[in-house]
N, C-alpha and C. Protein backbone atom coordinates (compact mmCIF):
# COMPACT_ATOMS: atom_id res chain seq x y z
N UNK A 1 -96.45 -12.39 36.10
CA UNK A 1 -97.37 -13.48 35.53
C UNK A 1 -97.29 -14.27 36.81
N UNK A 2 -98.30 -15.26 36.71
CA UNK A 2 -98.38 -16.31 37.82
C UNK A 2 -97.32 -17.15 37.85
N UNK A 3 -97.10 -17.56 39.05
CA UNK A 3 -95.90 -18.48 39.28
C UNK A 3 -95.84 -19.84 38.34
N UNK A 4 -94.58 -20.12 37.85
CA UNK A 4 -94.62 -21.22 36.92
C UNK A 4 -94.70 -20.86 35.48
N UNK A 5 -95.19 -19.60 35.12
CA UNK A 5 -95.48 -19.25 33.82
C UNK A 5 -94.33 -18.39 33.28
N UNK A 6 -93.56 -18.86 32.26
CA UNK A 6 -92.37 -18.03 31.82
C UNK A 6 -92.69 -16.70 31.34
N UNK A 7 -91.77 -15.93 31.22
CA UNK A 7 -92.01 -14.49 30.66
C UNK A 7 -91.62 -14.39 29.24
N UNK A 8 -90.93 -15.37 28.76
CA UNK A 8 -90.53 -15.47 27.15
C UNK A 8 -90.93 -16.62 26.57
N UNK A 9 -91.01 -16.55 25.32
CA UNK A 9 -91.45 -17.87 24.48
C UNK A 9 -90.89 -17.86 23.17
N UNK A 10 -90.68 -18.93 22.44
CA UNK A 10 -90.24 -18.82 21.26
C UNK A 10 -91.36 -18.96 20.28
N UNK A 11 -91.48 -18.19 19.12
CA UNK A 11 -92.54 -18.12 18.31
C UNK A 11 -92.02 -17.97 16.77
N UNK A 12 -92.87 -18.58 15.82
CA UNK A 12 -92.61 -18.53 14.44
C UNK A 12 -93.11 -17.04 13.93
N UNK A 13 -92.35 -16.15 13.48
CA UNK A 13 -92.72 -14.90 13.33
C UNK A 13 -92.43 -14.54 11.88
N UNK A 14 -93.48 -13.70 11.28
CA UNK A 14 -93.37 -13.19 9.90
C UNK A 14 -93.08 -11.65 10.08
N UNK A 15 -91.93 -11.11 10.11
CA UNK A 15 -91.71 -9.84 10.57
C UNK A 15 -92.25 -8.69 9.68
N UNK A 16 -92.45 -9.04 8.41
CA UNK A 16 -93.05 -8.02 7.47
C UNK A 16 -93.53 -8.75 6.29
N UNK A 17 -94.40 -7.95 5.49
CA UNK A 17 -94.88 -8.69 4.37
C UNK A 17 -93.86 -9.21 3.58
N UNK A 18 -94.21 -10.50 2.98
CA UNK A 18 -93.44 -11.24 2.02
C UNK A 18 -92.17 -11.62 2.65
N UNK A 19 -91.85 -11.43 3.77
CA UNK A 19 -90.56 -11.99 4.30
C UNK A 19 -90.56 -13.41 4.71
N UNK A 20 -89.31 -13.96 5.13
CA UNK A 20 -89.26 -15.31 5.34
C UNK A 20 -89.66 -15.45 7.00
N UNK A 21 -90.29 -16.64 7.17
CA UNK A 21 -90.52 -16.84 8.59
C UNK A 21 -89.36 -17.01 9.52
N UNK A 22 -89.25 -16.49 10.58
CA UNK A 22 -88.06 -16.79 11.69
C UNK A 22 -88.59 -16.98 12.94
N UNK A 23 -87.64 -17.74 13.71
CA UNK A 23 -88.02 -18.06 15.09
C UNK A 23 -87.46 -16.97 15.90
N UNK A 24 -88.20 -16.36 16.72
CA UNK A 24 -87.82 -15.32 17.66
C UNK A 24 -88.39 -15.61 19.20
N UNK A 25 -87.62 -14.97 19.95
CA UNK A 25 -88.04 -14.96 21.52
C UNK A 25 -88.94 -13.87 21.69
N UNK A 26 -90.10 -13.89 22.09
CA UNK A 26 -91.02 -12.91 22.28
C UNK A 26 -91.46 -13.00 23.83
N UNK A 27 -92.29 -11.95 24.32
CA UNK A 27 -92.79 -11.86 25.54
C UNK A 27 -94.04 -12.81 25.65
N UNK A 28 -94.30 -13.49 26.53
CA UNK A 28 -95.49 -14.23 26.96
C UNK A 28 -96.61 -13.20 27.32
N UNK A 29 -97.70 -13.15 26.63
CA UNK A 29 -98.67 -12.03 26.71
C UNK A 29 -99.43 -12.32 28.15
N UNK A 30 -100.13 -11.29 28.64
CA UNK A 30 -101.01 -11.62 29.78
C UNK A 30 -102.48 -11.66 29.23
N UNK A 31 -103.20 -12.55 29.63
CA UNK A 31 -104.65 -12.49 29.10
C UNK A 31 -105.47 -11.26 29.45
N UNK A 32 -106.11 -10.74 28.55
CA UNK A 32 -106.96 -9.65 28.93
C UNK A 32 -108.25 -10.04 29.32
N UNK A 33 -109.35 -9.16 29.51
CA UNK A 33 -110.55 -9.41 29.86
C UNK A 33 -111.16 -10.39 28.94
N UNK A 34 -111.85 -11.49 29.42
CA UNK A 34 -112.48 -12.50 28.52
C UNK A 34 -111.57 -13.33 27.79
N UNK A 35 -110.13 -13.38 28.02
CA UNK A 35 -109.13 -14.18 27.35
C UNK A 35 -108.70 -15.13 28.26
N UNK A 36 -107.80 -16.16 27.57
CA UNK A 36 -107.27 -17.23 28.46
C UNK A 36 -105.78 -17.22 27.92
N UNK A 37 -104.89 -17.67 28.75
CA UNK A 37 -103.56 -18.06 28.31
C UNK A 37 -103.39 -19.56 28.27
N UNK A 38 -102.83 -20.03 27.13
CA UNK A 38 -102.78 -21.42 26.90
C UNK A 38 -101.27 -21.80 26.75
N UNK A 39 -100.76 -22.89 27.49
CA UNK A 39 -99.48 -23.34 27.29
C UNK A 39 -99.58 -24.21 26.18
N UNK A 40 -98.99 -23.83 24.99
CA UNK A 40 -99.22 -24.79 23.76
C UNK A 40 -98.30 -25.97 23.74
N UNK A 41 -99.04 -27.05 23.75
CA UNK A 41 -98.29 -28.35 23.73
C UNK A 41 -97.91 -28.85 22.27
N UNK A 42 -98.83 -28.45 21.31
CA UNK A 42 -98.43 -28.68 19.99
C UNK A 42 -99.01 -27.62 19.12
N UNK A 43 -98.46 -27.34 18.01
CA UNK A 43 -98.76 -26.33 17.36
C UNK A 43 -98.41 -26.79 15.75
N UNK A 44 -99.06 -26.27 14.82
CA UNK A 44 -98.91 -26.71 13.29
C UNK A 44 -99.14 -25.46 12.46
N UNK A 45 -98.58 -25.56 11.29
CA UNK A 45 -98.72 -24.59 10.21
C UNK A 45 -99.82 -25.29 9.39
N UNK A 46 -100.68 -24.23 8.79
CA UNK A 46 -101.81 -24.71 7.87
C UNK A 46 -101.62 -23.85 6.62
N UNK A 47 -102.36 -24.04 5.67
CA UNK A 47 -102.26 -23.34 4.48
C UNK A 47 -102.43 -21.81 4.60
N UNK A 48 -103.23 -21.37 5.53
CA UNK A 48 -103.40 -20.00 5.94
C UNK A 48 -102.01 -19.18 6.14
N UNK A 49 -101.27 -19.92 6.96
CA UNK A 49 -99.82 -19.43 7.27
C UNK A 49 -99.17 -19.13 6.05
N UNK A 50 -99.10 -20.09 5.05
CA UNK A 50 -98.44 -19.87 3.87
C UNK A 50 -99.12 -18.62 2.98
N UNK A 51 -100.35 -18.67 3.02
CA UNK A 51 -101.06 -17.66 2.34
C UNK A 51 -100.92 -16.23 2.71
N UNK A 52 -100.83 -16.08 4.17
CA UNK A 52 -100.61 -14.72 4.75
C UNK A 52 -98.93 -14.41 4.18
N UNK A 53 -98.00 -15.34 4.27
CA UNK A 53 -96.64 -14.78 3.79
C UNK A 53 -96.79 -14.60 2.27
N UNK A 54 -97.20 -15.37 1.49
CA UNK A 54 -97.08 -15.24 -0.01
C UNK A 54 -97.93 -14.22 -0.48
N UNK A 55 -99.15 -13.74 0.02
CA UNK A 55 -100.03 -13.02 -0.49
C UNK A 55 -100.42 -11.79 0.40
N UNK A 56 -99.79 -11.72 1.55
CA UNK A 56 -100.10 -10.62 2.58
C UNK A 56 -101.59 -10.35 2.82
N UNK A 57 -102.18 -11.39 3.11
CA UNK A 57 -103.65 -11.46 3.39
C UNK A 57 -103.87 -12.03 4.92
N UNK A 58 -105.15 -11.55 5.47
CA UNK A 58 -105.62 -12.06 6.61
C UNK A 58 -104.99 -11.33 7.82
N UNK A 59 -104.20 -10.50 7.61
CA UNK A 59 -103.65 -9.82 8.85
C UNK A 59 -103.75 -8.30 8.81
N UNK A 60 -103.74 -7.52 9.91
CA UNK A 60 -103.82 -6.10 9.73
C UNK A 60 -102.54 -5.41 10.15
N UNK A 61 -101.52 -6.14 10.70
CA UNK A 61 -100.42 -5.50 11.17
C UNK A 61 -99.29 -6.52 11.30
N UNK A 62 -98.00 -6.10 11.28
CA UNK A 62 -96.84 -7.08 11.35
C UNK A 62 -96.20 -6.65 12.64
N UNK A 63 -95.55 -7.63 13.32
CA UNK A 63 -95.29 -8.85 12.94
C UNK A 63 -96.49 -9.80 13.06
N UNK A 64 -96.45 -10.91 12.26
CA UNK A 64 -97.57 -11.84 12.46
C UNK A 64 -96.84 -13.13 13.07
N UNK A 65 -97.50 -13.71 14.08
CA UNK A 65 -97.05 -14.85 14.62
C UNK A 65 -97.76 -16.14 14.08
N UNK A 66 -97.25 -16.99 13.42
CA UNK A 66 -97.73 -18.23 12.79
C UNK A 66 -97.94 -19.37 13.59
N UNK A 67 -98.60 -20.43 13.11
CA UNK A 67 -98.91 -21.63 13.80
C UNK A 67 -100.29 -21.53 14.66
N UNK A 68 -101.25 -20.88 13.81
CA UNK A 68 -102.62 -20.78 14.28
C UNK A 68 -103.43 -21.88 14.70
N UNK A 69 -102.94 -23.16 14.30
CA UNK A 69 -103.35 -24.49 14.75
C UNK A 69 -102.55 -25.04 16.10
N UNK A 70 -103.29 -24.91 17.20
CA UNK A 70 -102.56 -25.31 18.27
C UNK A 70 -103.56 -26.08 19.31
N UNK A 71 -102.81 -26.70 20.25
CA UNK A 71 -103.52 -27.39 21.41
C UNK A 71 -102.74 -27.33 22.65
N UNK A 72 -103.31 -27.16 23.71
CA UNK A 72 -102.61 -27.13 24.78
C UNK A 72 -103.53 -27.07 26.16
N UNK A 73 -102.84 -26.40 27.16
CA UNK A 73 -103.37 -26.42 28.57
C UNK A 73 -103.64 -24.92 29.01
N UNK A 74 -104.79 -24.70 29.45
CA UNK A 74 -105.18 -23.22 30.16
C UNK A 74 -104.27 -23.14 31.42
N UNK A 75 -103.48 -21.98 31.34
CA UNK A 75 -102.69 -21.76 32.50
C UNK A 75 -102.99 -20.48 33.42
N UNK A 76 -103.79 -19.65 32.53
CA UNK A 76 -104.04 -18.36 33.29
C UNK A 76 -105.41 -17.91 32.70
N UNK A 77 -106.26 -17.26 33.60
CA UNK A 77 -107.48 -16.72 32.93
C UNK A 77 -107.63 -15.20 33.20
N UNK A 78 -108.13 -14.66 32.10
CA UNK A 78 -108.24 -13.11 32.27
C UNK A 78 -109.67 -12.84 33.00
N UNK A 79 -109.73 -11.46 33.28
CA UNK A 79 -110.81 -11.35 34.12
C UNK A 79 -112.19 -11.52 33.51
N UNK A 80 -113.06 -12.09 34.11
CA UNK A 80 -114.48 -12.45 33.70
C UNK A 80 -114.64 -13.72 33.13
N UNK A 81 -113.59 -14.46 32.96
CA UNK A 81 -113.58 -15.80 32.22
C UNK A 81 -114.30 -16.74 33.15
N UNK A 82 -115.47 -17.40 32.71
CA UNK A 82 -116.06 -18.43 33.67
C UNK A 82 -116.26 -19.78 32.91
N UNK A 83 -116.05 -19.79 31.55
CA UNK A 83 -116.38 -21.05 30.87
C UNK A 83 -115.00 -21.96 30.84
N UNK A 84 -113.89 -21.50 31.45
CA UNK A 84 -112.84 -22.35 31.43
C UNK A 84 -112.25 -22.41 32.81
N UNK A 85 -111.41 -23.24 33.06
CA UNK A 85 -110.65 -23.37 34.52
C UNK A 85 -109.11 -23.64 34.18
N UNK A 86 -108.41 -23.30 34.95
CA UNK A 86 -106.83 -23.59 34.80
C UNK A 86 -106.64 -25.22 34.80
N UNK A 87 -106.03 -25.65 33.95
CA UNK A 87 -105.74 -27.12 33.74
C UNK A 87 -106.61 -27.78 32.58
N UNK A 88 -107.74 -26.94 31.95
CA UNK A 88 -108.51 -27.32 30.86
C UNK A 88 -107.51 -27.71 29.68
N UNK A 89 -107.88 -28.70 28.94
CA UNK A 89 -107.30 -28.99 27.72
C UNK A 89 -107.93 -28.26 26.62
N UNK A 90 -107.35 -27.55 25.70
CA UNK A 90 -107.98 -26.83 24.71
C UNK A 90 -107.27 -27.02 23.46
């Protein structure tokens, strides 16, 4: 990855249907075509995270990474991205 971007991150993970949320270290993904990589400065849980855990809805595979409410800074651009620049707040 680009200089200054870590290769690992902590994430709130639901490992399987109806399990308890756990904090795990996972790989930082590379942005694919049309995607951006955001350094998350703030994240939050919302009722959808709870609903996924309790009722096994809105996801197609496990593990699920929670905290879908997030804000941060663009740190890397995938191929073809033209509407964001590195440093943008999102």
